[in-house]
């Protein structure tokens, strides 16, 4: 048998192991809890995946977080019918090609205007700057948008609306 040294609680002690036993040993890592995380998947015809992240409501219907490409950027917003709706350049844009945010471990937290809390989750980018997902109260509902400066910009009624009171999605 070969002699090997092993550390046990900081002390080095010899132990013996046969070559046959050594060859048959399989090392495994301890089981880890299931991963908690977020990701984007392509949506088709307004279908909402079972694990979609809910971020608001309007007229008694849930609104889910989405993002879509538009004018060289990727803009977070809300799924409305078969589109991802978001505010852009003063208007509400409805993009039919979009992705829905899915996963676990996300929550919205209150913040001061223009302040991103630790763990803020980016939902897109514009002109090389990350756009973070937010939601806020407006017209009897809670609407999903993007943090721009001190506001949460949402699309509503064909317009881009700037909300000074909002929460930011964190992971």
N, C-alpha and C. Protein backbone atom coordinates (compact mmCIF):
# COMPACT_ATOMS: atom_id res chain seq x y z
N UNK A 1 0.83 -1.18 0.00
CA UNK A 1 0.00 0.00 0.00
C UNK A 1 0.87 1.24 0.00
N UNK A 2 0.32 2.29 -0.59
CA UNK A 2 1.02 3.56 -0.63
C UNK A 2 0.60 4.40 0.56
N UNK A 3 1.52 5.16 1.09
CA UNK A 3 1.20 6.06 2.19
C UNK A 3 0.97 7.46 1.63
N UNK A 4 -0.08 8.10 2.10
CA UNK A 4 -0.38 9.48 1.72
C UNK A 4 -0.59 10.29 2.98
N UNK A 5 -0.35 11.59 2.91
CA UNK A 5 -0.65 12.49 4.02
C UNK A 5 -1.96 13.20 3.71
N UNK A 6 -2.74 13.38 4.73
CA UNK A 6 -4.00 14.09 4.58
C UNK A 6 -4.13 15.07 5.73
N UNK A 7 -4.73 16.19 5.47
CA UNK A 7 -4.94 17.19 6.50
C UNK A 7 -6.30 16.97 7.14
N UNK A 8 -6.31 16.81 8.46
CA UNK A 8 -7.55 16.67 9.21
C UNK A 8 -7.53 17.74 10.29
N UNK A 9 -8.44 18.68 10.18
CA UNK A 9 -8.53 19.80 11.12
C UNK A 9 -7.18 20.48 11.30
N UNK A 10 -6.46 20.64 10.20
CA UNK A 10 -5.21 21.38 10.26
C UNK A 10 -4.00 20.52 10.61
N UNK A 11 -4.19 19.31 11.17
CA UNK A 11 -3.07 18.43 11.52
C UNK A 11 -2.81 17.48 10.36
N UNK A 12 -1.57 17.17 10.08
CA UNK A 12 -1.24 16.24 9.00
C UNK A 12 -1.04 14.87 9.62
N UNK A 13 -1.83 13.91 9.14
CA UNK A 13 -1.75 12.55 9.65
C UNK A 13 -1.61 11.58 8.48
N UNK A 14 -0.80 10.57 8.62
CA UNK A 14 -0.66 9.60 7.53
C UNK A 14 -1.87 8.66 7.49
N UNK A 15 -2.23 8.22 6.28
CA UNK A 15 -3.22 7.16 6.14
C UNK A 15 -2.80 6.32 4.96
N UNK A 16 -3.34 5.12 4.87
CA UNK A 16 -2.96 4.19 3.83
C UNK A 16 -4.17 3.89 2.96
N UNK A 17 -3.94 3.82 1.64
CA UNK A 17 -5.01 3.52 0.72
C UNK A 17 -4.45 2.64 -0.38
N UNK A 18 -5.19 1.61 -0.75
CA UNK A 18 -4.71 0.72 -1.81
C UNK A 18 -4.93 1.37 -3.16
N UNK A 19 -4.15 0.97 -4.14
CA UNK A 19 -4.29 1.49 -5.49
C UNK A 19 -5.66 1.15 -6.06
N UNK A 20 -6.18 -0.06 -5.75
CA UNK A 20 -7.50 -0.47 -6.26
C UNK A 20 -8.60 0.41 -5.68
N UNK A 21 -8.51 0.69 -4.38
CA UNK A 21 -9.52 1.55 -3.75
C UNK A 21 -9.43 2.96 -4.32
N UNK A 22 -8.24 3.45 -4.52
CA UNK A 22 -8.04 4.79 -5.07
C UNK A 22 -8.68 4.89 -6.46
N UNK A 23 -8.48 3.86 -7.29
CA UNK A 23 -9.03 3.88 -8.65
C UNK A 23 -10.55 3.83 -8.65
N UNK A 24 -11.14 3.23 -7.62
CA UNK A 24 -12.59 3.09 -7.60
C UNK A 24 -13.31 4.27 -6.96
N UNK A 25 -12.59 5.20 -6.38
CA UNK A 25 -13.22 6.33 -5.69
C UNK A 25 -13.77 7.34 -6.69
N UNK A 26 -14.96 7.81 -6.41
CA UNK A 26 -15.58 8.85 -7.23
C UNK A 26 -15.83 10.03 -6.31
N UNK A 27 -15.33 11.17 -6.70
CA UNK A 27 -15.53 12.38 -5.91
C UNK A 27 -16.76 13.11 -6.41
N UNK A 28 -17.61 13.50 -5.51
CA UNK A 28 -18.80 14.25 -5.90
C UNK A 28 -18.89 15.50 -5.04
N UNK A 29 -19.46 16.54 -5.62
CA UNK A 29 -19.68 17.78 -4.87
C UNK A 29 -20.98 17.64 -4.09
N UNK A 30 -21.09 18.32 -2.96
CA UNK A 30 -22.34 18.27 -2.22
C UNK A 30 -23.47 18.89 -3.05
N UNK A 31 -24.68 18.41 -2.82
CA UNK A 31 -25.84 18.94 -3.55
C UNK A 31 -26.03 20.41 -3.22
N UNK A 32 -26.30 21.20 -4.22
CA UNK A 32 -26.53 22.62 -4.03
C UNK A 32 -28.00 22.92 -4.26
N UNK A 33 -28.52 23.97 -3.65
CA UNK A 33 -29.91 24.32 -3.90
C UNK A 33 -30.11 24.69 -5.36
N UNK A 34 -31.34 24.56 -5.85
CA UNK A 34 -31.65 24.91 -7.23
C UNK A 34 -31.28 26.37 -7.48
N UNK A 35 -30.77 26.63 -8.68
CA UNK A 35 -30.38 27.98 -9.04
C UNK A 35 -31.59 28.91 -9.06
N UNK A 36 -31.42 30.06 -8.52
CA UNK A 36 -32.43 31.10 -8.57
C UNK A 36 -31.89 32.14 -9.53
N UNK A 37 -32.65 32.45 -10.54
CA UNK A 37 -32.14 33.42 -11.49
C UNK A 37 -33.19 33.85 -12.48
N UNK A 38 -32.79 34.76 -13.32
CA UNK A 38 -33.68 35.33 -14.31
C UNK A 38 -33.08 35.18 -15.69
N UNK A 39 -33.93 35.11 -16.69
CA UNK A 39 -33.47 35.03 -18.06
C UNK A 39 -34.58 35.45 -19.01
N UNK A 40 -34.25 35.57 -20.27
CA UNK A 40 -35.19 36.03 -21.28
C UNK A 40 -35.50 34.92 -22.26
N UNK A 41 -36.79 34.76 -22.62
CA UNK A 41 -37.17 33.81 -23.66
C UNK A 41 -38.11 34.50 -24.64
N UNK A 42 -38.00 34.08 -25.89
CA UNK A 42 -38.83 34.66 -26.94
C UNK A 42 -40.27 34.26 -26.74
N UNK A 43 -41.16 35.23 -26.87
CA UNK A 43 -42.60 34.99 -26.73
C UNK A 43 -43.21 34.86 -28.12
N UNK A 44 -44.27 34.09 -28.20
CA UNK A 44 -44.96 33.88 -29.47
C UNK A 44 -46.45 34.18 -29.30
N UNK A 45 -46.96 35.07 -30.12
CA UNK A 45 -48.40 35.38 -30.15
C UNK A 45 -48.98 35.74 -28.79
N UNK A 46 -48.22 36.44 -27.98
CA UNK A 46 -48.73 36.89 -26.69
C UNK A 46 -48.77 35.83 -25.61
N UNK A 47 -48.26 34.62 -25.89
CA UNK A 47 -48.26 33.56 -24.88
C UNK A 47 -47.33 33.94 -23.73
N UNK A 48 -47.80 33.73 -22.50
CA UNK A 48 -47.01 34.05 -21.31
C UNK A 48 -46.52 32.75 -20.69
N UNK A 49 -45.20 32.57 -20.56
CA UNK A 49 -44.68 31.35 -19.92
C UNK A 49 -45.11 31.27 -18.46
N UNK A 50 -45.19 30.05 -17.95
CA UNK A 50 -45.64 29.82 -16.57
C UNK A 50 -44.77 30.54 -15.55
N UNK A 51 -43.47 30.68 -15.82
CA UNK A 51 -42.56 31.31 -14.85
C UNK A 51 -42.22 32.75 -15.22
N UNK A 52 -43.10 33.41 -16.00
CA UNK A 52 -42.89 34.81 -16.37
C UNK A 52 -42.93 35.69 -15.12
N UNK A 53 -42.13 36.74 -15.12
CA UNK A 53 -42.07 37.67 -13.99
C UNK A 53 -43.19 38.70 -14.14
N UNK A 54 -44.07 38.71 -13.16
CA UNK A 54 -45.17 39.67 -13.12
C UNK A 54 -44.65 40.98 -12.56
N UNK A 55 -45.11 42.08 -13.15
CA UNK A 55 -44.60 43.37 -12.69
C UNK A 55 -45.65 44.43 -12.52
N UNK A 56 -46.90 44.09 -12.79
CA UNK A 56 -47.92 45.12 -12.66
C UNK A 56 -49.29 44.61 -13.00
N UNK A 57 -50.21 45.56 -13.14
CA UNK A 57 -51.59 45.22 -13.48
C UNK A 57 -52.27 46.43 -14.11
N UNK A 58 -53.28 46.13 -14.91
CA UNK A 58 -54.07 47.17 -15.55
C UNK A 58 -55.47 46.60 -15.80
N UNK A 59 -56.49 47.29 -15.34
CA UNK A 59 -57.87 46.85 -15.51
C UNK A 59 -58.09 45.42 -15.04
N UNK A 60 -57.45 45.05 -13.92
CA UNK A 60 -57.63 43.72 -13.36
C UNK A 60 -56.84 42.62 -14.03
N UNK A 61 -56.01 42.95 -15.00
CA UNK A 61 -55.18 41.97 -15.70
C UNK A 61 -53.72 42.14 -15.31
N UNK A 62 -53.01 41.01 -15.13
CA UNK A 62 -51.59 41.07 -14.80
C UNK A 62 -50.78 41.55 -15.98
N UNK A 63 -49.70 42.25 -15.69
CA UNK A 63 -48.75 42.69 -16.71
C UNK A 63 -47.41 42.01 -16.42
N UNK A 64 -46.75 41.55 -17.48
CA UNK A 64 -45.50 40.82 -17.34
C UNK A 64 -44.36 41.59 -17.99
N UNK A 65 -43.15 41.40 -17.44
CA UNK A 65 -41.96 42.12 -17.89
C UNK A 65 -41.50 41.55 -19.23
N UNK A 66 -41.23 42.47 -20.16
CA UNK A 66 -40.70 42.09 -21.47
C UNK A 66 -39.61 43.09 -21.87
N UNK A 67 -38.93 42.79 -22.96
CA UNK A 67 -38.06 43.78 -23.61
C UNK A 67 -38.04 43.49 -25.11
N UNK A 68 -37.78 44.57 -25.87
CA UNK A 68 -37.80 44.45 -27.33
C UNK A 68 -36.78 45.41 -27.93
N UNK A 69 -36.32 45.07 -29.13
CA UNK A 69 -35.39 45.92 -29.88
C UNK A 69 -36.18 47.05 -30.54
N UNK A 70 -35.59 48.25 -30.48
CA UNK A 70 -36.21 49.39 -31.14
C UNK A 70 -35.17 50.50 -31.29
N UNK A 71 -35.04 51.03 -32.47
CA UNK A 71 -34.13 52.16 -32.75
C UNK A 71 -32.73 51.98 -32.19
N UNK A 72 -32.16 50.80 -32.40
CA UNK A 72 -30.79 50.54 -31.99
C UNK A 72 -30.60 50.19 -30.52
N UNK A 73 -31.68 50.09 -29.76
CA UNK A 73 -31.59 49.73 -28.34
C UNK A 73 -32.50 48.57 -28.02
N UNK A 74 -32.46 48.15 -26.77
CA UNK A 74 -33.38 47.13 -26.24
C UNK A 74 -34.08 47.77 -25.06
N UNK A 75 -35.41 47.82 -25.11
CA UNK A 75 -36.19 48.58 -24.15
C UNK A 75 -37.11 47.69 -23.33
N UNK A 76 -37.03 47.77 -21.99
CA UNK A 76 -37.95 47.00 -21.15
C UNK A 76 -39.33 47.65 -21.12
N UNK A 77 -40.33 46.80 -20.97
CA UNK A 77 -41.70 47.27 -20.90
C UNK A 77 -42.63 46.19 -20.36
N UNK A 78 -43.87 46.23 -20.83
CA UNK A 78 -44.92 45.33 -20.35
C UNK A 78 -45.57 44.62 -21.53
N UNK A 79 -45.93 43.35 -21.32
CA UNK A 79 -46.65 42.62 -22.35
C UNK A 79 -48.10 43.09 -22.34
N UNK A 80 -48.56 43.57 -23.50
CA UNK A 80 -49.94 43.98 -23.69
C UNK A 80 -50.43 43.31 -24.97
N UNK A 81 -51.40 42.45 -24.82
CA UNK A 81 -51.90 41.63 -25.94
C UNK A 81 -50.75 40.87 -26.56
N UNK A 82 -50.44 41.11 -27.82
CA UNK A 82 -49.37 40.38 -28.50
C UNK A 82 -48.11 41.22 -28.70
N UNK A 83 -47.92 42.24 -27.87
CA UNK A 83 -46.80 43.16 -28.04
C UNK A 83 -46.08 43.42 -26.72
N UNK A 84 -44.87 43.96 -26.86
CA UNK A 84 -44.15 44.52 -25.72
C UNK A 84 -44.28 46.03 -25.86
N UNK A 85 -44.97 46.65 -24.91
CA UNK A 85 -45.21 48.09 -24.95
C UNK A 85 -44.26 48.81 -24.00
N UNK A 86 -43.67 49.91 -24.49
CA UNK A 86 -42.76 50.70 -23.68
C UNK A 86 -42.77 52.14 -24.19
N UNK A 87 -42.30 53.03 -23.36
CA UNK A 87 -42.19 54.43 -23.76
C UNK A 87 -40.90 54.69 -24.49
N UNK A 88 -40.99 55.53 -25.55
CA UNK A 88 -39.78 55.89 -26.29
C UNK A 88 -40.03 57.21 -27.02
N UNK A 89 -39.18 58.18 -26.81
CA UNK A 89 -39.23 59.47 -27.51
C UNK A 89 -40.62 60.11 -27.43
N UNK A 90 -41.25 60.03 -26.26
CA UNK A 90 -42.53 60.68 -26.04
C UNK A 90 -43.75 59.87 -26.45
N UNK A 91 -43.54 58.70 -27.06
CA UNK A 91 -44.66 57.87 -27.53
C UNK A 91 -44.64 56.50 -26.86
N UNK A 92 -45.77 55.82 -26.92
CA UNK A 92 -45.82 54.42 -26.50
C UNK A 92 -45.58 53.57 -27.74
N UNK A 93 -44.58 52.71 -27.69
CA UNK A 93 -44.22 51.83 -28.79
C UNK A 93 -44.74 50.44 -28.48
N UNK A 94 -45.30 49.75 -29.48
CA UNK A 94 -45.78 48.38 -29.34
C UNK A 94 -45.01 47.51 -30.32
N UNK A 95 -44.06 46.72 -29.82
CA UNK A 95 -43.23 45.86 -30.66
C UNK A 95 -43.76 44.42 -30.62
N UNK A 96 -44.04 43.82 -31.79
CA UNK A 96 -44.57 42.45 -31.82
C UNK A 96 -43.50 41.37 -31.62
N UNK A 97 -42.22 41.70 -31.82
CA UNK A 97 -41.12 40.74 -31.61
C UNK A 97 -40.44 41.09 -30.30
N UNK A 98 -40.56 40.22 -29.30
CA UNK A 98 -40.05 40.55 -27.97
C UNK A 98 -39.72 39.29 -27.18
N UNK A 99 -39.12 39.51 -26.03
CA UNK A 99 -38.81 38.45 -25.09
C UNK A 99 -39.46 38.76 -23.75
N UNK A 100 -39.79 37.70 -23.02
CA UNK A 100 -40.41 37.81 -21.69
C UNK A 100 -39.37 37.40 -20.65
N UNK A 101 -39.34 38.12 -19.53
CA UNK A 101 -38.45 37.79 -18.43
C UNK A 101 -39.05 36.63 -17.65
N UNK A 102 -38.26 35.59 -17.42
CA UNK A 102 -38.71 34.42 -16.69
C UNK A 102 -37.72 34.11 -15.56
N UNK A 103 -38.19 33.39 -14.56
CA UNK A 103 -37.32 32.94 -13.48
C UNK A 103 -37.89 33.21 -12.11
N UNK A 104 -37.02 33.00 -11.13
CA UNK A 104 -37.40 33.19 -9.74
C UNK A 104 -36.39 34.10 -9.06
N UNK A 105 -36.81 34.65 -7.93
CA UNK A 105 -35.88 35.43 -7.12
C UNK A 105 -35.93 36.92 -7.37
N UNK A 106 -36.86 37.38 -8.21
CA UNK A 106 -36.94 38.82 -8.48
C UNK A 106 -38.01 39.45 -7.60
N UNK A 107 -37.77 40.71 -7.25
CA UNK A 107 -38.76 41.48 -6.51
C UNK A 107 -38.53 42.95 -6.81
N UNK A 108 -39.57 43.74 -6.62
CA UNK A 108 -39.46 45.18 -6.80
C UNK A 108 -39.24 45.83 -5.44
N UNK A 109 -38.31 46.79 -5.39
CA UNK A 109 -38.02 47.49 -4.14
C UNK A 109 -38.11 49.00 -4.36
N UNK A 110 -38.58 49.67 -3.34
CA UNK A 110 -38.70 51.14 -3.40
C UNK A 110 -37.31 51.76 -3.43
N UNK A 111 -37.23 52.90 -4.06
CA UNK A 111 -35.96 53.62 -4.16
C UNK A 111 -36.24 55.11 -4.29
N UNK A 112 -35.22 55.89 -4.14
CA UNK A 112 -35.32 57.33 -4.36
C UNK A 112 -35.17 57.59 -5.86
N UNK A 113 -35.75 58.66 -6.36
CA UNK A 113 -35.64 58.96 -7.79
C UNK A 113 -34.19 58.97 -8.27
N UNK A 114 -33.93 58.20 -9.33
CA UNK A 114 -32.61 58.16 -9.94
C UNK A 114 -31.59 57.31 -9.22
N UNK A 115 -31.99 56.63 -8.12
CA UNK A 115 -31.07 55.78 -7.36
C UNK A 115 -31.36 54.32 -7.65
N UNK A 116 -30.35 53.58 -8.06
CA UNK A 116 -30.51 52.15 -8.30
C UNK A 116 -30.13 51.38 -7.05
N UNK A 117 -31.03 50.53 -6.55
CA UNK A 117 -30.70 49.74 -5.35
C UNK A 117 -29.72 48.62 -5.71
N UNK A 118 -29.03 48.07 -4.71
CA UNK A 118 -28.14 46.94 -4.97
C UNK A 118 -28.93 45.79 -5.60
N UNK A 119 -28.34 45.15 -6.60
CA UNK A 119 -28.99 44.03 -7.27
C UNK A 119 -29.97 44.44 -8.36
N UNK A 120 -30.01 45.73 -8.71
CA UNK A 120 -30.91 46.19 -9.77
C UNK A 120 -30.67 45.36 -11.03
N UNK A 121 -31.75 44.93 -11.66
CA UNK A 121 -31.65 44.03 -12.81
C UNK A 121 -31.82 44.82 -14.11
N UNK A 122 -30.81 44.78 -15.00
CA UNK A 122 -30.93 45.50 -16.26
C UNK A 122 -31.87 44.76 -17.22
N UNK A 123 -32.67 45.53 -17.94
CA UNK A 123 -33.61 44.94 -18.87
C UNK A 123 -33.34 45.33 -20.31
N UNK A 124 -32.31 46.13 -20.53
CA UNK A 124 -31.99 46.54 -21.88
C UNK A 124 -30.88 47.57 -21.89
N UNK A 125 -30.75 48.24 -23.04
CA UNK A 125 -29.73 49.27 -23.16
C UNK A 125 -30.13 50.25 -24.26
N UNK A 126 -29.59 51.45 -24.14
CA UNK A 126 -29.83 52.48 -25.13
C UNK A 126 -28.60 53.38 -25.18
N UNK A 127 -28.06 53.58 -26.35
CA UNK A 127 -26.88 54.43 -26.53
C UNK A 127 -25.73 54.04 -25.60
N UNK A 128 -25.53 52.74 -25.39
CA UNK A 128 -24.44 52.25 -24.56
C UNK A 128 -24.69 52.30 -23.07
N UNK A 129 -25.91 52.67 -22.64
CA UNK A 129 -26.24 52.74 -21.22
C UNK A 129 -27.27 51.66 -20.89
N UNK A 130 -27.06 50.99 -19.76
CA UNK A 130 -28.03 49.98 -19.34
C UNK A 130 -29.35 50.65 -18.95
N UNK A 131 -30.44 49.96 -19.24
CA UNK A 131 -31.77 50.40 -18.82
C UNK A 131 -32.28 49.40 -17.79
N UNK A 132 -32.65 49.89 -16.63
CA UNK A 132 -33.10 49.02 -15.54
C UNK A 132 -34.62 49.00 -15.49
N UNK A 133 -35.16 47.87 -15.06
CA UNK A 133 -36.61 47.65 -15.04
C UNK A 133 -37.21 48.28 -13.80
N UNK A 134 -38.33 48.98 -14.00
CA UNK A 134 -39.04 49.62 -12.89
C UNK A 134 -40.54 49.43 -13.10
N UNK A 135 -41.29 49.76 -12.07
CA UNK A 135 -42.74 49.84 -12.21
C UNK A 135 -43.26 50.89 -11.24
N UNK A 136 -44.42 51.43 -11.60
CA UNK A 136 -44.99 52.46 -10.74
C UNK A 136 -46.47 52.61 -10.99
N UNK A 137 -47.15 53.28 -10.05
CA UNK A 137 -48.60 53.46 -10.16
C UNK A 137 -48.95 54.55 -11.18
N UNK A 138 -49.97 54.23 -12.00
CA UNK A 138 -50.46 55.24 -12.95
C UNK A 138 -51.86 54.85 -13.41
N UNK A 139 -52.77 55.79 -13.37
CA UNK A 139 -54.12 55.64 -13.90
C UNK A 139 -54.82 54.37 -13.38
N UNK A 140 -54.70 54.12 -12.09
CA UNK A 140 -55.38 52.99 -11.46
C UNK A 140 -54.70 51.65 -11.61
N UNK A 141 -53.53 51.60 -12.21
CA UNK A 141 -52.79 50.35 -12.37
C UNK A 141 -51.35 50.53 -11.94
N UNK A 142 -50.57 49.46 -12.12
CA UNK A 142 -49.13 49.50 -11.90
C UNK A 142 -48.49 49.10 -13.21
N UNK A 143 -47.64 49.96 -13.76
CA UNK A 143 -47.10 49.78 -15.10
C UNK A 143 -45.59 49.62 -15.09
N UNK A 144 -45.11 48.75 -15.96
CA UNK A 144 -43.69 48.41 -16.06
C UNK A 144 -43.01 49.32 -17.08
N UNK A 145 -41.80 49.75 -16.73
CA UNK A 145 -41.04 50.60 -17.64
C UNK A 145 -39.56 50.49 -17.41
N UNK A 146 -38.86 51.58 -17.70
CA UNK A 146 -37.40 51.62 -17.61
C UNK A 146 -36.98 52.88 -16.85
N UNK A 147 -35.92 52.73 -16.06
CA UNK A 147 -35.40 53.88 -15.33
C UNK A 147 -34.61 54.75 -16.31
N UNK A 148 -35.02 56.02 -16.41
CA UNK A 148 -34.32 57.00 -17.23
C UNK A 148 -34.16 58.26 -16.37
N UNK A 149 -32.92 58.57 -16.01
CA UNK A 149 -32.68 59.70 -15.12
C UNK A 149 -33.38 59.46 -13.79
N UNK A 150 -34.15 60.45 -13.31
CA UNK A 150 -34.82 60.28 -12.01
C UNK A 150 -36.20 59.63 -12.11
N UNK A 151 -36.61 59.18 -13.30
CA UNK A 151 -37.97 58.68 -13.50
C UNK A 151 -38.03 57.24 -13.96
N UNK A 152 -39.23 56.68 -13.83
CA UNK A 152 -39.57 55.41 -14.45
C UNK A 152 -40.43 55.77 -15.65
N UNK A 153 -39.91 55.54 -16.85
CA UNK A 153 -40.64 55.89 -18.07
C UNK A 153 -41.45 54.68 -18.53
N UNK A 154 -42.77 54.88 -18.68
CA UNK A 154 -43.67 53.81 -19.12
C UNK A 154 -44.38 54.26 -20.39
N UNK A 155 -44.93 53.28 -21.09
CA UNK A 155 -45.81 53.59 -22.20
C UNK A 155 -47.25 53.44 -21.73
N UNK A 156 -48.10 54.43 -22.07
CA UNK A 156 -49.51 54.36 -21.68
C UNK A 156 -50.34 55.24 -22.61
N UNK A 157 -51.41 54.68 -23.15
CA UNK A 157 -52.34 55.47 -23.96
C UNK A 157 -51.70 56.14 -25.16
N UNK A 158 -50.67 55.52 -25.73
CA UNK A 158 -50.02 56.08 -26.89
C UNK A 158 -48.90 57.06 -26.59
N UNK A 159 -48.65 57.32 -25.29
CA UNK A 159 -47.64 58.30 -24.89
C UNK A 159 -46.60 57.67 -23.97
N UNK A 160 -45.45 58.33 -23.89
CA UNK A 160 -44.45 57.97 -22.88
C UNK A 160 -44.75 58.83 -21.65
N UNK A 161 -44.93 58.17 -20.51
CA UNK A 161 -45.28 58.84 -19.26
C UNK A 161 -44.10 58.69 -18.30
N UNK A 162 -43.71 59.78 -17.64
CA UNK A 162 -42.59 59.76 -16.70
C UNK A 162 -43.13 59.74 -15.28
N UNK A 163 -42.80 58.68 -14.53
CA UNK A 163 -43.27 58.52 -13.16
C UNK A 163 -42.14 58.84 -12.18
N UNK A 164 -42.33 59.83 -11.28
CA UNK A 164 -41.28 60.16 -10.32
C UNK A 164 -41.24 59.22 -9.10
N UNK A 165 -42.33 58.50 -8.85
CA UNK A 165 -42.38 57.53 -7.73
C UNK A 165 -42.48 56.13 -8.33
N UNK A 166 -41.52 55.27 -7.98
CA UNK A 166 -41.48 53.94 -8.59
C UNK A 166 -40.64 52.98 -7.75
N UNK A 167 -40.65 51.71 -8.16
CA UNK A 167 -39.81 50.67 -7.57
C UNK A 167 -38.97 50.06 -8.69
N UNK A 168 -37.83 49.49 -8.30
CA UNK A 168 -36.88 48.90 -9.26
C UNK A 168 -36.81 47.40 -9.02
N UNK A 169 -36.75 46.63 -10.12
CA UNK A 169 -36.62 45.18 -10.04
C UNK A 169 -35.20 44.82 -9.61
N UNK A 170 -35.10 43.99 -8.59
CA UNK A 170 -33.79 43.50 -8.13
C UNK A 170 -33.80 41.98 -8.12
N UNK A 171 -32.61 41.44 -8.20
CA UNK A 171 -32.46 39.98 -8.14
C UNK A 171 -31.61 39.63 -6.95
